[in-house]
Amino acid sequence: MTEPLLDSYRSSLSGWLRGTAVGLGTILLGIAGFAILIAKAGNWGAWPLLLTLLALVIVFAKWLQTMAAKYELTSERLIVRRGIIFKSIDEIELYRIKDVRIDFTLLNQWVGIGTVTITSSDETTRINELKMRHIGEAQARRENLRRLVDSARRQRGVREIDMVHEDL
């Protein structure tokens, strides 16, 4: 890779915890287990501790998922690095990107995360879209990516033509 790295990011674990119903539920599960353990430890046995342990296991699993995917943006490519033990690297040429969409819930908006979805003619996303979930500063990153896609297309002289075939 000869071009400089412009941005590097992962899914946001703290954004997921604060900005999704499942994340908030996980926090509540852990707090409830801890609170019950302190308030009425003798009556509940080990169940409160198990609730807190379950919450920690969920957070650890989400952390592993977060660490398993990294996205790097240069002026010519979006590089997708996946895996912890077995790794793969995919590169999407920016001029091949057809659409960059952002989706977010009300909770996502409050904490500044979103799902950035990319559709392109590149082999990486030809069949399935690339979904980057729980991305911090998602709106700003989407706009930056859009600007870089337009610039890469202009530099290569690429124009998109949609062919529509209608049966008569």
Foldseek 3Di string as FASTA:
>chain_A
DPFDWDDKFWADLVLCLQQDPVNVVLVVQLVQLVVCCVPPVPVPPCVSVVSNVVSVVVSVVVVQVRVQWMWIDGLFWIWIWGDDPDIDIDIDGLLFWDDWDWDGDPSSVVQAFTWIWIAGVDPVPPPHIDIRGNIHNVVVVSVVSVVSNVVNCVVVVDDDDDDDDDDD
